[in-house]
C-alpha atoms as a PDB file:
ATOM      1  CA  UNK A   1     -13.095  43.523 -59.205  1.00  0.00           C
ATOM      2  CA  UNK A   2     -12.664  42.569 -55.701  1.00  0.00           C
ATOM      3  CA  UNK A   3     -14.816  44.564 -53.820  1.00  0.00           C
ATOM      4  CA  UNK A   4     -14.233  42.806 -50.131  1.00  0.00           C
ATOM      5  CA  UNK A   5     -12.146  45.827 -48.451  1.00  0.00           C
ATOM      6  CA  UNK A   6      -9.464  43.091 -46.663  1.00  0.00           C
ATOM      7  CA  UNK A   7      -9.023  39.992 -47.380  1.00  0.00           C
ATOM      8  CA  UNK A   8      -7.740  38.882 -43.714  1.00  0.00           C
ATOM      9  CA  UNK A   9     -10.296  41.262 -41.653  1.00  0.00           C
ATOM     10  CA  UNK A  10     -13.109  39.086 -41.866  1.00  0.00           C
ATOM     11  CA  UNK A  11     -11.730  36.105 -40.007  1.00  0.00           C
ATOM     12  CA  UNK A  12     -12.064  38.269 -36.792  1.00  0.00           C
ATOM     13  CA  UNK A  13     -15.634  38.152 -37.199  1.00  0.00           C
ATOM     14  CA  UNK A  14     -16.030  34.397 -36.930  1.00  0.00           C
ATOM     15  CA  UNK A  15     -16.911  34.283 -32.938  1.00  0.00           C
ATOM     16  CA  UNK A  16     -20.408  34.476 -32.160  1.00  0.00           C
ATOM     17  CA  UNK A  17     -21.298  33.929 -35.254  1.00  0.00           C
ATOM     18  CA  UNK A  18     -23.622  30.701 -34.607  1.00  0.00           C
ATOM     19  CA  UNK A  19     -26.191  32.600 -32.671  1.00  0.00           C
ATOM     20  CA  UNK A  20     -29.926  32.685 -33.844  1.00  0.00           C
ATOM     21  CA  UNK A  21     -30.348  35.943 -36.047  1.00  0.00           C
ATOM     22  CA  UNK A  22     -33.629  36.749 -34.268  1.00  0.00           C
ATOM     23  CA  UNK A  23     -31.906  36.856 -30.926  1.00  0.00           C
ATOM     24  CA  UNK A  24     -31.782  40.331 -29.746  1.00  0.00           C
ATOM     25  CA  UNK A  25     -28.477  39.889 -28.092  1.00  0.00           C
ATOM     26  CA  UNK A  26     -26.962  38.879 -31.561  1.00  0.00           C
ATOM     27  CA  UNK A  27     -28.345  41.933 -33.013  1.00  0.00           C
ATOM     28  CA  UNK A  28     -26.525  43.822 -30.350  1.00  0.00           C
ATOM     29  CA  UNK A  29     -23.194  41.878 -31.318  1.00  0.00           C
ATOM     30  CA  UNK A  30     -23.863  42.058 -34.819  1.00  0.00           C
ATOM     31  CA  UNK A  31     -23.766  45.406 -34.642  1.00  0.00           C
ATOM     32  CA  UNK A  32     -20.734  45.890 -32.798  1.00  0.00           C
ATOM     33  CA  UNK A  33     -19.210  43.790 -35.347  1.00  0.00           C
ATOM     34  CA  UNK A  34     -20.024  45.779 -38.246  1.00  0.00           C
ATOM     35  CA  UNK A  35     -18.804  48.995 -36.111  1.00  0.00           C
ATOM     36  CA  UNK A  36     -15.249  47.114 -35.672  1.00  0.00           C
ATOM     37  CA  UNK A  37     -15.471  46.350 -39.631  1.00  0.00           C
ATOM     38  CA  UNK A  38     -15.953  49.648 -40.903  1.00  0.00           C
ATOM     39  CA  UNK A  39     -13.696  51.068 -38.125  1.00  0.00           C
ATOM     40  CA  UNK A  40     -10.524  48.510 -39.420  1.00  0.00           C
ATOM     41  CA  UNK A  41     -11.665  49.151 -43.256  1.00  0.00           C
ATOM     42  CA  UNK A  42     -11.655  53.227 -42.965  1.00  0.00           C
ATOM     43  CA  UNK A  43      -8.865  53.218 -40.348  1.00  0.00           C
ATOM     44  CA  UNK A  44      -6.582  50.762 -42.752  1.00  0.00           C
ATOM     45  CA  UNK A  45      -6.088  48.414 -39.747  1.00  0.00           C
ATOM     46  CA  UNK A  46      -5.327  45.492 -42.143  1.00  0.00           C
ATOM     47  CA  UNK A  47      -3.023  47.325 -44.550  1.00  0.00           C
ATOM     48  CA  UNK A  48       0.049  45.818 -42.685  1.00  0.00           C
ATOM     49  CA  UNK A  49       0.691  42.581 -40.518  1.00  0.00           C
ATOM     50  CA  UNK A  50      -2.909  41.589 -41.267  1.00  0.00           C
ATOM     51  CA  UNK A  51      -2.589  38.230 -39.515  1.00  0.00           C
ATOM     52  CA  UNK A  52      -1.051  39.572 -36.160  1.00  0.00           C
ATOM     53  CA  UNK A  53      -3.764  42.112 -36.270  1.00  0.00           C
ATOM     54  CA  UNK A  54      -6.449  39.562 -37.088  1.00  0.00           C
ATOM     55  CA  UNK A  55      -5.340  37.562 -34.178  1.00  0.00           C
ATOM     56  CA  UNK A  56      -5.197  40.623 -31.915  1.00  0.00           C
ATOM     57  CA  UNK A  57      -8.828  41.578 -33.085  1.00  0.00           C
ATOM     58  CA  UNK A  58     -10.321  38.135 -32.125  1.00  0.00           C
ATOM     59  CA  UNK A  59      -8.974  38.305 -28.443  1.00  0.00           C
ATOM     60  CA  UNK A  60     -10.244  41.808 -28.420  1.00  0.00           C
ATOM     61  CA  UNK A  61     -13.903  41.301 -29.963  1.00  0.00           C
ATOM     62  CA  UNK A  62     -14.577  38.368 -27.662  1.00  0.00           C
ATOM     63  CA  UNK A  63     -13.762  40.670 -24.760  1.00  0.00           C
ATOM     64  CA  UNK A  64     -16.272  43.511 -25.999  1.00  0.00           C
ATOM     65  CA  UNK A  65     -18.982  41.249 -27.192  1.00  0.00           C
ATOM     66  CA  UNK A  66     -19.019  39.645 -23.543  1.00  0.00           C
ATOM     67  CA  UNK A  67     -19.146  43.208 -22.043  1.00  0.00           C
ATOM     68  CA  UNK A  68     -15.481  44.403 -22.229  1.00  0.00           C
ATOM     69  CA  UNK A  69     -13.801  47.867 -23.665  1.00  0.00           C
ATOM     70  CA  UNK A  70     -14.055  48.634 -27.024  1.00  0.00           C
ATOM     71  CA  UNK A  71     -11.388  47.150 -29.265  1.00  0.00           C
ATOM     72  CA  UNK A  72      -8.384  49.568 -29.614  1.00  0.00           C
ATOM     73  CA  UNK A  73      -9.559  49.651 -33.770  1.00  0.00           C
ATOM     74  CA  UNK A  74     -12.794  51.142 -32.825  1.00  0.00           C
ATOM     75  CA  UNK A  75     -11.555  53.406 -29.774  1.00  0.00           C
ATOM     76  CA  UNK A  76      -8.615  54.728 -31.607  1.00  0.00           C
ATOM     77  CA  UNK A  77     -10.549  55.333 -35.006  1.00  0.00           C
ATOM     78  CA  UNK A  78     -10.186  58.610 -36.674  1.00  0.00           C
ATOM     79  CA  UNK A  79     -11.207  59.608 -40.351  1.00  0.00           C
ATOM     80  CA  UNK A  80     -10.972  62.687 -42.379  1.00  0.00           C
ATOM     81  CA  UNK A  81     -13.339  62.679 -45.094  1.00  0.00           C
ATOM     82  CA  UNK A  82     -11.128  65.140 -46.917  1.00  0.00           C
ATOM     83  CA  UNK A  83      -8.447  62.377 -47.178  1.00  0.00           C
ATOM     84  CA  UNK A  84     -10.837  60.399 -50.030  1.00  0.00           C
ATOM     85  CA  UNK A  85      -9.573  63.050 -52.384  1.00  0.00           C
ATOM     86  CA  UNK A  86      -5.969  61.344 -52.169  1.00  0.00           C
ATOM     87  CA  UNK A  87      -7.803  57.340 -52.022  1.00  0.00           C
ATOM     88  CA  UNK A  88      -6.931  55.439 -55.212  1.00  0.00           C
ATOM     89  CA  UNK A  89      -7.062  52.172 -55.934  1.00  0.00           C
ATOM     90  CA  UNK A  90      -3.314  51.747 -54.363  1.00  0.00           C
ATOM     91  CA  UNK A  91      -5.170  52.416 -50.730  1.00  0.00           C
ATOM     92  CA  UNK A  92      -6.859  49.030 -51.158  1.00  0.00           C
ATOM     93  CA  UNK A  93      -8.825  49.173 -47.950  1.00  0.00           C
ATOM     94  CA  UNK A  94     -10.216  52.770 -47.972  1.00  0.00           C
ATOM     95  CA  UNK A  95     -10.877  52.621 -52.086  1.00  0.00           C
ATOM     96  CA  UNK A  96     -12.630  49.026 -51.652  1.00  0.00           C
ATOM     97  CA  UNK A  97     -14.496  49.900 -48.578  1.00  0.00           C
ATOM     98  CA  UNK A  98     -15.956  53.089 -50.425  1.00  0.00           C
ATOM     99  CA  UNK A  99     -16.993  51.078 -53.569  1.00  0.00           C
ATOM    100  CA  UNK A 100     -18.486  48.532 -51.183  1.00  0.00           C
ATOM    101  CA  UNK A 101     -20.744  51.013 -49.409  1.00  0.00           C
ATOM    102  CA  UNK A 102     -21.713  52.446 -52.779  1.00  0.00           C
ATOM    103  CA  UNK A 103     -22.774  48.430 -53.713  1.00  0.00           C
ATOM    104  CA  UNK A 104     -24.441  48.399 -49.927  1.00  0.00           C
ATOM    105  CA  UNK A 105     -26.745  51.913 -50.988  1.00  0.00           C
ATOM    106  CA  UNK A 106     -28.255  49.726 -53.478  1.00  0.00           C
ATOM    107  CA  UNK A 107     -26.322  51.527 -56.714  1.00  0.00           C
ATOM    108  CA  UNK A 108     -28.495  50.668 -59.735  1.00  0.00           C
ATOM    109  CA  UNK A 109     -26.979  49.771 -63.441  1.00  0.00           C
ATOM    110  CA  UNK A 110     -26.621  52.739 -65.673  1.00  0.00           C
ATOM    111  CA  UNK A 111     -27.520  50.588 -68.198  1.00  0.00           C
ATOM    112  CA  UNK A 112     -30.193  47.831 -67.081  1.00  0.00           C
ATOM    113  CA  UNK A 113     -31.613  50.280 -64.344  1.00  0.00           C
ATOM    114  CA  UNK A 114     -31.371  47.110 -61.877  1.00  0.00           C
ATOM    115  CA  UNK A 115     -29.811  47.309 -58.504  1.00  0.00           C
ATOM    116  CA  UNK A 116     -26.235  46.209 -58.981  1.00  0.00           C
ATOM    117  CA  UNK A 117     -25.795  42.498 -57.472  1.00  0.00           C
ATOM    118  CA  UNK A 118     -22.809  40.151 -58.163  1.00  0.00           C
ATOM    119  CA  UNK A 119     -24.672  38.352 -60.488  1.00  0.00           C
ATOM    120  CA  UNK A 120     -25.606  41.573 -62.427  1.00  0.00           C
ATOM    121  CA  UNK A 121     -21.902  42.590 -62.405  1.00  0.00           C
ATOM    122  CA  UNK A 122     -20.754  39.429 -63.953  1.00  0.00           C
ATOM    123  CA  UNK A 123     -23.511  39.448 -66.634  1.00  0.00           C
ATOM    124  CA  UNK A 124     -23.270  43.357 -67.573  1.00  0.00           C
ATOM    125  CA  UNK A 125     -19.462  43.833 -67.251  1.00  0.00           C
ATOM    126  CA  UNK A 126     -19.859  45.920 -64.334  1.00  0.00           C
ATOM    127  CA  UNK A 127     -16.529  47.476 -62.865  1.00  0.00           C
ATOM    128  CA  UNK A 128     -15.181  50.559 -61.243  1.00  0.00           C
ATOM    129  CA  UNK A 129     -14.633  53.442 -63.899  1.00  0.00           C
ATOM    130  CA  UNK A 130     -13.871  57.131 -63.941  1.00  0.00           C
ATOM    131  CA  UNK A 131     -16.653  59.569 -63.749  1.00  0.00           C
ATOM    132  CA  UNK A 132     -14.658  62.158 -65.342  1.00  0.00           C
ATOM    133  CA  UNK A 133     -12.571  59.985 -67.903  1.00  0.00           C
ATOM    134  CA  UNK A 134      -8.905  60.116 -67.205  1.00  0.00           C
ATOM    135  CA  UNK A 135      -8.018  60.832 -70.937  1.00  0.00           C
ATOM    136  CA  UNK A 136     -10.689  64.277 -70.724  1.00  0.00           C
ATOM    137  CA  UNK A 137      -9.105  65.162 -67.343  1.00  0.00           C
ATOM    138  CA  UNK A 138      -5.248  65.104 -68.411  1.00  0.00           C
ATOM    139  CA  UNK A 139      -6.544  67.044 -71.965  1.00  0.00           C
ATOM    140  CA  UNK A 140      -7.874  69.809 -69.232  1.00  0.00           C
ATOM    141  CA  UNK A 141      -4.554  69.838 -67.235  1.00  0.00           C
ATOM    142  CA  UNK A 142      -5.248  67.493 -64.502  1.00  0.00           C
ATOM    143  CA  UNK A 143      -1.780  65.664 -65.035  1.00  0.00           C
ATOM    144  CA  UNK A 144      -1.603  64.096 -61.423  1.00  0.00           C
ATOM    145  CA  UNK A 145      -2.536  60.452 -61.960  1.00  0.00           C
ATOM    146  CA  UNK A 146      -3.492  60.739 -58.112  1.00  0.00           C
ATOM    147  CA  UNK A 147      -6.098  63.429 -58.684  1.00  0.00           C
ATOM    148  CA  UNK A 148      -7.727  61.801 -61.763  1.00  0.00           C
ATOM    149  CA  UNK A 149      -8.014  58.200 -60.086  1.00  0.00           C
ATOM    150  CA  UNK A 150      -9.225  59.113 -56.763  1.00  0.00           C
ATOM    151  CA  UNK A 151     -12.132  57.145 -55.176  1.00  0.00           C
ATOM    152  CA  UNK A 152     -14.477  60.370 -55.698  1.00  0.00           C
ATOM    153  CA  UNK A 153     -13.878  59.978 -59.501  1.00  0.00           C
ATOM    154  CA  UNK A 154     -14.885  56.531 -59.638  1.00  0.00           C
ATOM    155  CA  UNK A 155     -18.203  54.795 -59.209  1.00  0.00           C
ATOM    156  CA  UNK A 156     -19.655  51.311 -60.826  1.00  0.00           C
ATOM    157  CA  UNK A 157     -20.225  51.415 -64.677  1.00  0.00           C
ATOM    158  CA  UNK A 158     -21.202  48.662 -66.932  1.00  0.00           C
ATOM    159  CA  UNK A 159     -19.304  47.709 -70.144  1.00  0.00           C
ATOM    160  CA  UNK A 160     -21.568  49.228 -72.537  1.00  0.00           C
ATOM    161  CA  UNK A 161     -22.186  52.356 -71.038  1.00  0.00           C
ATOM    162  CA  UNK A 162     -18.250  52.674 -70.517  1.00  0.00           C
ATOM    163  CA  UNK A 163     -17.893  52.029 -74.056  1.00  0.00           C
ATOM    164  CA  UNK A 164     -20.357  54.809 -74.870  1.00  0.00           C
ATOM    165  CA  UNK A 165     -18.887  57.320 -72.473  1.00  0.00           C
ATOM    166  CA  UNK A 166     -15.023  56.845 -73.931  1.00  0.00           C
ATOM    167  CA  UNK A 167     -13.263  60.178 -73.186  1.00  0.00           C
ATOM    168  CA  UNK A 168     -16.007  62.455 -72.901  1.00  0.00           C
ATOM    169  CA  UNK A 169     -16.821  64.575 -70.408  1.00  0.00           C
ATOM    170  CA  UNK A 170     -20.126  63.843 -68.014  1.00  0.00           C
ATOM    171  CA  UNK A 171     -21.786  67.088 -68.941  1.00  0.00           C
ATOM    172  CA  UNK A 172     -21.863  65.051 -72.751  1.00  0.00           C
ATOM    173  CA  UNK A 173     -22.824  61.295 -71.650  1.00  0.00           C
ATOM    174  CA  UNK A 174     -25.047  61.938 -68.676  1.00  0.00           C
ATOM    175  CA  UNK A 175     -27.198  63.963 -71.089  1.00  0.00           C
ATOM    176  CA  UNK A 176     -27.546  61.302 -73.648  1.00  0.00           C
ATOM    177  CA  UNK A 177     -28.338  59.230 -70.696  1.00  0.00           C
ATOM    178  CA  UNK A 178     -31.007  61.724 -69.261  1.00  0.00           C
ATOM    179  CA  UNK A 179     -32.726  61.689 -72.597  1.00  0.00           C
ATOM    180  CA  UNK A 180     -33.378  57.959 -72.701  1.00  0.00           C
ATOM    181  CA  UNK A 181     -37.092  57.405 -72.574  1.00  0.00           C
ATOM    182  CA  UNK A 182     -38.120  56.571 -68.661  1.00  0.00           C
ATOM    183  CA  UNK A 183     -34.600  56.737 -67.704  1.00  0.00           C
ATOM    184  CA  UNK A 184     -34.938  57.422 -63.858  1.00  0.00           C
ATOM    185  CA  UNK A 185     -31.823  59.701 -63.867  1.00  0.00           C
ATOM    186  CA  UNK A 186     -31.847  61.206 -60.525  1.00  0.00           C
ATOM    187  CA  UNK A 187     -32.496  57.850 -59.036  1.00  0.00           C
ATOM    188  CA  UNK A 188     -29.910  56.087 -60.600  1.00  0.00           C
ATOM    189  CA  UNK A 189     -26.936  58.962 -59.849  1.00  0.00           C
ATOM    190  CA  UNK A 190     -28.108  59.078 -56.360  1.00  0.00           C
ATOM    191  CA  UNK A 191     -27.988  55.479 -55.718  1.00  0.00           C
ATOM    192  CA  UNK A 192     -24.340  55.707 -56.827  1.00  0.00           C
ATOM    193  CA  UNK A 193     -23.826  59.109 -54.431  1.00  0.00           C
ATOM    194  CA  UNK A 194     -23.506  61.434 -57.390  1.00  0.00           C
ATOM    195  CA  UNK A 195     -24.715  65.193 -57.496  1.00  0.00           C
ATOM    196  CA  UNK A 196     -27.849  65.877 -59.345  1.00  0.00           C
ATOM    197  CA  UNK A 197     -29.887  68.991 -59.604  1.00  0.00           C
ATOM    198  CA  UNK A 198     -28.769  72.135 -61.303  1.00  0.00           C
ATOM    199  CA  UNK A 199     -25.902  72.644 -59.165  1.00  0.00           C
ATOM    200  CA  UNK A 200     -24.479  69.333 -60.000  1.00  0.00           C
ATOM    201  CA  UNK A 201     -20.892  69.757 -61.528  1.00  0.00           C
ATOM    202  CA  UNK A 202     -21.966  66.849 -63.733  1.00  0.00           C
END
């Protein structure tokens, strides 16, 4: 699975990348670049005409880094979290951005319990899969593909665990995982942004 939200977006991140990491000004500029990047991802700025958008952003970013005004990508950014209910892999930017944030939050592998890295993803066959299996939801009357595939119902799951899940609901397979000796259940689920505790729907 490719997890980079926008293939063309990083082109705009090139300016000033040669500054030394310990330079305070470089740190401030790095925070600006991060702000711009996530605004462009969740604002879907690169969903269409990425090359022309990238060229404009380079100019706007250079001006902003030199003390100018906010780039349009940042100043015009608006995002309603409720929109995540409708985000599927078709909305590549927001979908990948959300999965990237899960990785950046230190998501842990359900099988090895280790923090997920690129190397671990390759070794353990980790990919984005359903939390509530699609087939299970379909048999429960959730017929809309968008509802079953929305990013709120997806997280990073290794090949072994996904095979164990099959078409079973979380109430079944998570119970087995919870009963695994010394398994840090709440810590692993929390690392994926999944709810825990008595009120959890899982």
